[in-house]
Amino acid sequence: MEQYNQDFGDMARKKSEAGPARRGRPPAYDAETALKRATETFWRTGYSGTSLDKVAAATGMSPPSLYAVFGNKHTLYLEALARYWEISLAATREALAGDHPLDEALMLAYDAALSIYFSGKGTARGCFVVGTAVTEVAEDTAIRISVAAGLRAIDADFEARFRLAQDKGELKRDADPAALAILASATMHTIAIRARAGARRAELRELARKAVDVICGCRADAH
């Protein structure tokens, strides 16, 4: 799952081939590079703590150029948030989609999350959503909708994996996949917060392992 670490280190993947930078409106590749750098800035200082001038300094674009490509700070942030959900959900889905036993699949999902949370330089930056969006949801409808949709998607992905495990006989028939999904998601949010607060990666992986042991206590072969 280290590829998702690389995705955030190289989030500026080309949407199309572009030539050298030229004056005027930046080509698509430059916009992708700017989005990557803007995301890193929001991740470091939060939405409210990030001015358009700060984003301009990080991207090397002037405020008018940023506005021409992305609109205002709010629309730029929403695009960064959408891109984060795209990459992080893909990481979780890939981990859960294989043929691994349930406990291994869950640990692969948590390892993928940890690779994202520790993808920055220096101290861990945790989850982009937890670190930047949660504080804005009370006052910002668009951010609240994005956060709620992303959380529902995480819950749904875990629930689908638990239902599959139940069908395969990995979980007891009376296990509650929806409740287990919320527990699995909550574990992911917990390690994100603790990563941001300075917890070591090995410590967080052990926390995830203990949560997996609790969840898998509902296995069909558990006594």
Foldseek 3Di string as FASTA:
>chain_A
DLVLLVCLVPVLDAPDDDDDFDPDAGDSSLVSQLLSQLLVVCLVQALVRDALVNSCVRSVHDSVNCCVRQNHSVSSVLVSLVSLLVSLLVQLLVLLVDPDQPLRSLLSNLVSQLSQQQSDPDAGSFRSCVRHQPVCLVPDPSSVVSVVVSLVSQLVSQLVSVVVCVVVQFFPPPDDSSVLSVLSSVLSNVLRVVSNVGDDPVVSSVSSSVSSVVSSCRTNPHD
